[in-house]
Structure formats: structure tokens, C-alpha cells
PDB file of N, CA and C in Angstrom:
ATOM      1  N   UNK A   1    -103.477 107.173  62.038  1.00  0.00           N
ATOM      2  CA  UNK A   1    -104.377 106.379  62.515  1.00  0.00           C
ATOM      3  C   UNK A   1    -105.562 105.804  61.627  1.00  0.00           C
ATOM      4  N   UNK A   2    -106.027 106.683  60.771  1.00  0.00           N
ATOM      5  CA  UNK A   2    -106.932 106.262  59.699  1.00  0.00           C
ATOM      6  C   UNK A   2    -106.307 105.357  58.775  1.00  0.00           C
ATOM      7  N   UNK A   3    -105.080 105.434  58.371  1.00  0.00           N
ATOM      8  CA  UNK A   3    -104.455 104.315  57.536  1.00  0.00           C
ATOM      9  C   UNK A   3    -104.418 103.007  58.231  1.00  0.00           C
ATOM     10  N   UNK A   4    -104.020 102.937  59.568  1.00  0.00           N
ATOM     11  CA  UNK A   4    -103.987 101.715  60.204  1.00  0.00           C
ATOM     12  C   UNK A   4    -105.285 101.170  60.458  1.00  0.00           C
ATOM     13  N   UNK A   5    -106.358 101.909  60.695  1.00  0.00           N
ATOM     14  CA  UNK A   5    -107.788 101.502  60.719  1.00  0.00           C
ATOM     15  C   UNK A   5    -108.205 100.949  59.364  1.00  0.00           C
ATOM     16  N   UNK A   6    -107.829 101.561  58.226  1.00  0.00           N
ATOM     17  CA  UNK A   6    -108.084 101.116  56.898  1.00  0.00           C
ATOM     18  C   UNK A   6    -107.447  99.827  56.588  1.00  0.00           C
ATOM     19  N   UNK A   7    -106.227  99.674  57.131  1.00  0.00           N
ATOM     20  CA  UNK A   7    -105.527  98.461  56.728  1.00  0.00           C
ATOM     21  C   UNK A   7    -106.121  97.284  57.475  1.00  0.00           C
ATOM     22  N   UNK A   8    -106.493  97.539  58.792  1.00  0.00           N
ATOM     23  CA  UNK A   8    -107.022  96.433  59.478  1.00  0.00           C
ATOM     24  C   UNK A   8    -108.409  96.090  59.089  1.00  0.00           C
ATOM     25  N   UNK A   9    -109.257  97.076  58.603  1.00  0.00           N
ATOM     26  CA  UNK A   9    -110.583  96.918  57.969  1.00  0.00           C
ATOM     27  C   UNK A   9    -110.481  96.119  56.777  1.00  0.00           C
ATOM     28  N   UNK A  10    -109.529  96.412  55.864  1.00  0.00           N
ATOM     29  CA  UNK A  10    -109.398  95.772  54.493  1.00  0.00           C
ATOM     30  C   UNK A  10    -108.709  94.425  54.789  1.00  0.00           C
ATOM     31  N   UNK A  11    -108.034  94.066  55.845  1.00  0.00           N
ATOM     32  CA  UNK A  11    -107.599  92.691  55.994  1.00  0.00           C
ATOM     33  C   UNK A  11    -108.879  91.852  56.516  1.00  0.00           C
ATOM     34  N   UNK A  12    -109.758  92.420  57.368  1.00  0.00           N
ATOM     35  CA  UNK A  12    -110.928  91.672  57.795  1.00  0.00           C
ATOM     36  C   UNK A  12    -111.790  91.502  56.720  1.00  0.00           C
ATOM     37  N   UNK A  13    -111.971  92.647  55.967  1.00  0.00           N
ATOM     38  CA  UNK A  13    -112.856  92.355  54.634  1.00  0.00           C
ATOM     39  C   UNK A  13    -112.560  91.499  53.730  1.00  0.00           C
ATOM     40  N   UNK A  14    -111.190  91.359  53.490  1.00  0.00           N
ATOM     41  CA  UNK A  14    -110.552  90.486  52.506  1.00  0.00           C
ATOM     42  C   UNK A  14    -110.928  89.011  53.037  1.00  0.00           C
ATOM     43  N   UNK A  15    -110.696  88.776  54.279  1.00  0.00           N
ATOM     44  CA  UNK A  15    -111.187  87.368  54.921  1.00  0.00           C
ATOM     45  C   UNK A  15    -112.538  86.993  54.674  1.00  0.00           C
ATOM     46  N   UNK A  16    -113.439  88.049  55.006  1.00  0.00           N
ATOM     47  CA  UNK A  16    -114.900  87.815  54.870  1.00  0.00           C
ATOM     48  C   UNK A  16    -115.382  87.767  53.477  1.00  0.00           C
ATOM     49  N   UNK A  17    -114.694  88.397  52.563  1.00  0.00           N
ATOM     50  CA  UNK A  17    -115.076  88.372  51.163  1.00  0.00           C
ATOM     51  C   UNK A  17    -114.827  86.971  50.543  1.00  0.00           C
ATOM     52  N   UNK A  18    -114.016  86.123  51.126  1.00  0.00           N
ATOM     53  CA  UNK A  18    -113.740  84.775  50.619  1.00  0.00           C
ATOM     54  C   UNK A  18    -115.168  83.895  50.735  1.00  0.00           C
ATOM     55  N   UNK A  19    -115.842  84.315  51.696  1.00  0.00           N
ATOM     56  CA  UNK A  19    -117.148  83.527  51.735  1.00  0.00           C
ATOM     57  C   UNK A  19    -118.076  83.663  50.457  1.00  0.00           C
ATOM     58  N   UNK A  20    -118.315  84.795  49.960  1.00  0.00           N
ATOM     59  CA  UNK A  20    -119.179  84.964  48.746  1.00  0.00           C
ATOM     60  C   UNK A  20    -118.392  84.485  47.521  1.00  0.00           C
ATOM     61  N   UNK A  21    -116.975  84.732  47.541  1.00  0.00           N
ATOM     62  CA  UNK A  21    -116.159  84.200  46.528  1.00  0.00           C
ATOM     63  C   UNK A  21    -116.253  82.665  46.252  1.00  0.00           C
ATOM     64  N   UNK A  22    -116.203  81.977  47.422  1.00  0.00           N
ATOM     65  CA  UNK A  22    -116.331  80.569  47.409  1.00  0.00           C
ATOM     66  C   UNK A  22    -117.751  79.995  46.929  1.00  0.00           C
ATOM     67  N   UNK A  23    -118.868  80.903  47.476  1.00  0.00           N
ATOM     68  CA  UNK A  23    -120.127  80.485  46.974  1.00  0.00           C
ATOM     69  C   UNK A  23    -120.372  80.723  45.507  1.00  0.00           C
ATOM     70  N   UNK A  24    -119.761  81.681  44.984  1.00  0.00           N
ATOM     71  CA  UNK A  24    -119.896  81.934  43.387  1.00  0.00           C
ATOM     72  C   UNK A  24    -119.217  80.751  42.758  1.00  0.00           C
ATOM     73  N   UNK A  25    -117.935  80.443  43.252  1.00  0.00           N
ATOM     74  CA  UNK A  25    -117.110  79.453  42.471  1.00  0.00           C
ATOM     75  C   UNK A  25    -117.883  78.111  42.610  1.00  0.00           C
ATOM     76  N   UNK A  26    -118.470  77.779  43.704  1.00  0.00           N
ATOM     77  CA  UNK A  26    -119.151  76.556  44.015  1.00  0.00           C
ATOM     78  C   UNK A  26    -120.456  76.493  42.995  1.00  0.00           C
ATOM     79  N   UNK A  27    -121.099  77.541  42.983  1.00  0.00           N
ATOM     80  CA  UNK A  27    -122.413  77.686  42.107  1.00  0.00           C
ATOM     81  C   UNK A  27    -121.994  77.405  40.620  1.00  0.00           C
ATOM     82  N   UNK A  28    -120.997  78.017  40.103  1.00  0.00           N
ATOM     83  CA  UNK A  28    -120.632  78.059  38.776  1.00  0.00           C
ATOM     84  C   UNK A  28    -119.759  76.833  38.540  1.00  0.00           C
ATOM     85  N   UNK A  29    -119.302  76.051  39.443  1.00  0.00           N
ATOM     86  CA  UNK A  29    -118.409  74.752  39.222  1.00  0.00           C
ATOM     87  C   UNK A  29    -117.057  75.254  38.626  1.00  0.00           C
ATOM     88  N   UNK A  30    -116.509  76.378  39.042  1.00  0.00           N
ATOM     89  CA  UNK A  30    -115.320  76.772  38.572  1.00  0.00           C
ATOM     90  C   UNK A  30    -114.134  76.279  39.628  1.00  0.00           C
ATOM     91  N   UNK A  31    -113.053  75.952  39.135  1.00  0.00           N
ATOM     92  CA  UNK A  31    -111.904  75.435  40.018  1.00  0.00           C
ATOM     93  C   UNK A  31    -111.329  76.633  40.669  1.00  0.00           C
ATOM     94  N   UNK A  32    -110.402  76.334  41.561  1.00  0.00           N
ATOM     95  CA  UNK A  32    -109.342  77.065  42.263  1.00  0.00           C
ATOM     96  C   UNK A  32    -110.020  77.729  43.546  1.00  0.00           C
ATOM     97  N   UNK A  33    -111.021  78.473  43.562  1.00  0.00           N
ATOM     98  CA  UNK A  33    -111.557  79.257  44.564  1.00  0.00           C
ATOM     99  C   UNK A  33    -112.800  78.811  45.279  1.00  0.00           C
ATOM    100  N   UNK A  34    -113.183  77.588  44.916  1.00  0.00           N
ATOM    101  CA  UNK A  34    -114.366  76.929  45.509  1.00  0.00           C
ATOM    102  C   UNK A  34    -114.117  76.577  46.846  1.00  0.00           C
ATOM    103  N   UNK A  35    -114.966  76.154  47.690  1.00  0.00           N
ATOM    104  CA  UNK A  35    -114.999  75.867  48.978  1.00  0.00           C
ATOM    105  C   UNK A  35    -113.792  74.931  49.368  1.00  0.00           C
ATOM    106  N   UNK A  36    -113.789  73.855  48.799  1.00  0.00           N
ATOM    107  CA  UNK A  36    -112.646  72.799  48.994  1.00  0.00           C
ATOM    108  C   UNK A  36    -111.191  73.484  48.658  1.00  0.00           C
ATOM    109  N   UNK A  37    -111.200  74.108  47.580  1.00  0.00           N
ATOM    110  CA  UNK A  37    -109.972  74.819  47.261  1.00  0.00           C
ATOM    111  C   UNK A  37    -109.560  75.658  48.267  1.00  0.00           C
ATOM    112  N   UNK A  38    -110.351  76.703  48.647  1.00  0.00           N
ATOM    113  CA  UNK A  38    -109.946  77.671  49.745  1.00  0.00           C
ATOM    114  C   UNK A  38    -109.583  76.996  51.014  1.00  0.00           C
ATOM    115  N   UNK A  39    -110.196  75.850  51.432  1.00  0.00           N
ATOM    116  CA  UNK A  39    -109.793  75.168  52.482  1.00  0.00           C
ATOM    117  C   UNK A  39    -108.469  74.412  52.518  1.00  0.00           C
ATOM    118  N   UNK A  40    -108.128  74.196  51.272  1.00  0.00           N
ATOM    119  CA  UNK A  40    -106.817  73.456  51.159  1.00  0.00           C
ATOM    120  C   UNK A  40    -105.813  74.236  50.414  1.00  0.00           C
ATOM    121  N   UNK A  41    -105.820  75.597  50.697  1.00  0.00           N
ATOM    122  CA  UNK A  41    -104.479  76.253  50.350  1.00  0.00           C
ATOM    123  C   UNK A  41    -104.812  77.496  49.261  1.00  0.00           C
ATOM    124  N   UNK A  42    -105.967  77.525  48.574  1.00  0.00           N
ATOM    125  CA  UNK A  42    -106.130  78.603  47.623  1.00  0.00           C
ATOM    126  C   UNK A  42    -106.297  79.967  48.443  1.00  0.00           C
ATOM    127  N   UNK A  43    -106.707  79.988  49.711  1.00  0.00           N
ATOM    128  CA  UNK A  43    -106.770  81.077  50.522  1.00  0.00           C
ATOM    129  C   UNK A  43    -105.539  82.016  50.353  1.00  0.00           C
ATOM    130  N   UNK A  44    -104.447  81.366  50.231  1.00  0.00           N
ATOM    131  CA  UNK A  44    -103.139  82.051  50.197  1.00  0.00           C
ATOM    132  C   UNK A  44    -103.105  83.137  48.974  1.00  0.00           C
ATOM    133  N   UNK A  45    -103.820  82.606  47.952  1.00  0.00           N
ATOM    134  CA  UNK A  45    -103.947  83.592  46.706  1.00  0.00           C
ATOM    135  C   UNK A  45    -105.056  84.504  46.926  1.00  0.00           C
ATOM    136  N   UNK A  46    -106.297  84.011  47.415  1.00  0.00           N
ATOM    137  CA  UNK A  46    -107.490  84.854  47.397  1.00  0.00           C
ATOM    138  C   UNK A  46    -107.435  85.969  48.552  1.00  0.00           C
ATOM    139  N   UNK A  47    -106.823  85.715  49.792  1.00  0.00           N
ATOM    140  CA  UNK A  47    -106.784  86.553  50.806  1.00  0.00           C
ATOM    141  C   UNK A  47    -106.168  87.935  50.554  1.00  0.00           C
ATOM    142  N   UNK A  48    -104.971  87.866  50.010  1.00  0.00           N
ATOM    143  CA  UNK A  48    -104.270  88.997  49.647  1.00  0.00           C
ATOM    144  C   UNK A  48    -104.975  89.916  48.420  1.00  0.00           C
ATOM    145  N   UNK A  49    -105.348  89.108  47.563  1.00  0.00           N
ATOM    146  CA  UNK A  49    -106.038  89.813  46.434  1.00  0.00           C
ATOM    147  C   UNK A  49    -107.285  90.642  46.921  1.00  0.00           C
ATOM    148  N   UNK A  50    -108.184  89.994  47.627  1.00  0.00           N
ATOM    149  CA  UNK A  50    -109.341  90.522  48.209  1.00  0.00           C
ATOM    150  C   UNK A  50    -109.038  91.659  49.155  1.00  0.00           C
ATOM    151  N   UNK A  51    -107.928  91.449  49.937  1.00  0.00           N
ATOM    152  CA  UNK A  51    -107.599  92.540  50.829  1.00  0.00           C
ATOM    153  C   UNK A  51    -107.170  93.830  50.045  1.00  0.00           C
ATOM    154  N   UNK A  52    -106.265  93.681  49.028  1.00  0.00           N
ATOM    155  CA  UNK A  52    -105.859  94.779  48.148  1.00  0.00           C
ATOM    156  C   UNK A  52    -107.099  95.475  47.532  1.00  0.00           C
ATOM    157  N   UNK A  53    -108.017  94.710  47.095  1.00  0.00           N
ATOM    158  CA  UNK A  53    -109.226  95.240  46.424  1.00  0.00           C
ATOM    159  C   UNK A  53    -110.028  95.943  47.421  1.00  0.00           C
ATOM    160  N   UNK A  54    -110.354  95.401  48.635  1.00  0.00           N
ATOM    161  CA  UNK A  54    -111.077  96.074  49.612  1.00  0.00           C
ATOM    162  C   UNK A  54    -110.382  97.505  50.066  1.00  0.00           C
ATOM    163  N   UNK A  55    -108.997  97.380  50.240  1.00  0.00           N
ATOM    164  CA  UNK A  55    -108.274  98.592  50.589  1.00  0.00           C
ATOM    165  C   UNK A  55    -108.487  99.699  49.403  1.00  0.00           C
ATOM    166  N   UNK A  56    -108.486  99.253  48.325  1.00  0.00           N
ATOM    167  CA  UNK A  56    -108.630 100.204  47.136  1.00  0.00           C
ATOM    168  C   UNK A  56    -110.007 100.824  47.138  1.00  0.00           C
ATOM    169  N   UNK A  57    -110.961 100.102  47.347  1.00  0.00           N
ATOM    170  CA  UNK A  57    -112.371 100.549  47.506  1.00  0.00           C
ATOM    171  C   UNK A  57    -112.519 101.411  48.664  1.00  0.00           C
ATOM    172  N   UNK A  58    -112.025 101.105  49.771  1.00  0.00           N
ATOM    173  CA  UNK A  58    -112.030 102.075  51.017  1.00  0.00           C
ATOM    174  C   UNK A  58    -111.314 103.318  50.759  1.00  0.00           C
ATOM    175  N   UNK A  59    -110.147 103.309  50.054  1.00  0.00           N
ATOM    176  CA  UNK A  59    -109.412 104.393  49.635  1.00  0.00           C
ATOM    177  C   UNK A  59    -110.078 105.281  48.926  1.00  0.00           C
ATOM    178  N   UNK A  60    -110.800 104.760  47.773  1.00  0.00           N
ATOM    179  CA  UNK A  60    -111.493 105.532  46.749  1.00  0.00           C
ATOM    180  C   UNK A  60    -112.717 106.280  47.474  1.00  0.00           C
ATOM    181  N   UNK A  61    -113.375 105.431  48.367  1.00  0.00           N
ATOM    182  CA  UNK A  61    -114.654 106.009  49.104  1.00  0.00           C
ATOM    183  C   UNK A  61    -114.131 107.152  49.871  1.00  0.00           C
ATOM    184  N   UNK A  62    -112.915 106.949  50.635  1.00  0.00           N
ATOM    185  CA  UNK A  62    -112.553 108.203  51.451  1.00  0.00           C
ATOM    186  C   UNK A  62    -112.071 109.304  50.617  1.00  0.00           C
ATOM    187  N   UNK A  63    -111.377 109.022  49.580  1.00  0.00           N
ATOM    188  CA  UNK A  63    -111.142 110.171  48.604  1.00  0.00           C
ATOM    189  C   UNK A  63    -112.550 110.989  48.153  1.00  0.00           C
ATOM    190  N   UNK A  64    -113.391 110.202  47.886  1.00  0.00           N
ATOM    191  CA  UNK A  64    -114.659 110.824  47.204  1.00  0.00           C
ATOM    192  C   UNK A  64    -115.277 111.438  48.363  1.00  0.00           C
ATOM    193  N   UNK A  65    -115.252 111.079  49.602  1.00  0.00           N
ATOM    194  CA  UNK A  65    -115.855 111.869  50.578  1.00  0.00           C
ATOM    195  C   UNK A  65    -115.023 113.196  51.044  1.00  0.00           C
ATOM    196  N   UNK A  66    -113.679 113.077  50.865  1.00  0.00           N
ATOM    197  CA  UNK A  66    -112.698 114.089  51.268  1.00  0.00           C
ATOM    198  C   UNK A  66    -112.845 115.252  50.203  1.00  0.00           C
ATOM    199  N   UNK A  67    -113.055 114.916  48.902  1.00  0.00           N
ATOM    200  CA  UNK A  67    -113.009 115.803  47.698  1.00  0.00           C
ATOM    201  C   UNK A  67    -114.303 115.841  46.952  1.00  0.00           C
ATOM    202  N   UNK A  68    -115.370 116.418  47.584  1.00  0.00           N
ATOM    203  CA  UNK A  68    -116.585 116.416  46.793  1.00  0.00           C
ATOM    204  C   UNK A  68    -116.619 117.344  45.764  1.00  0.00           C
ATOM    205  N   UNK A  69    -117.213 116.837  44.508  1.00  0.00           N
ATOM    206  CA  UNK A  69    -117.368 117.890  43.389  1.00  0.00           C
ATOM    207  C   UNK A  69    -118.689 118.272  43.084  1.00  0.00           C
TER     208      UNK A  69
END
């Protein structure tokens, strides 16, 4: 159950993390992940990448809480 909840949470976080990603790319005038680019197809690259990143962070936090040193 914890794995399923972690997967669902990371999918939602991956979607929500596209907002600050697009704001950063807009502010820096970088191509690909700016707001227009995400709205027109780049989210297909960004969403899985951010989902995997957030799952790794959640997994690392779970391991740190499970095995305190």
C-alpha cells in the first residue's frame, strides 16, 4: 500500500512541479520547458522526468526515516 501511495503521490508531484519548472524557464528565457512549450507537447518529456525525480526523493526520505543513524 505504501508503494502505491508513493507512486500516486509522485505522479501528482511530477505534474505540480511543472509549474515552477515553466516559471524558471520563462524567467531565464530558456527553450523547451517554458510555458508555451509545456502547453504544446514538452510535458511529455517533463512529467515523467519530474515524477521519477519526486519518487526518488520520497523513497530517500522514507529510507532515512526507516533507518536513522
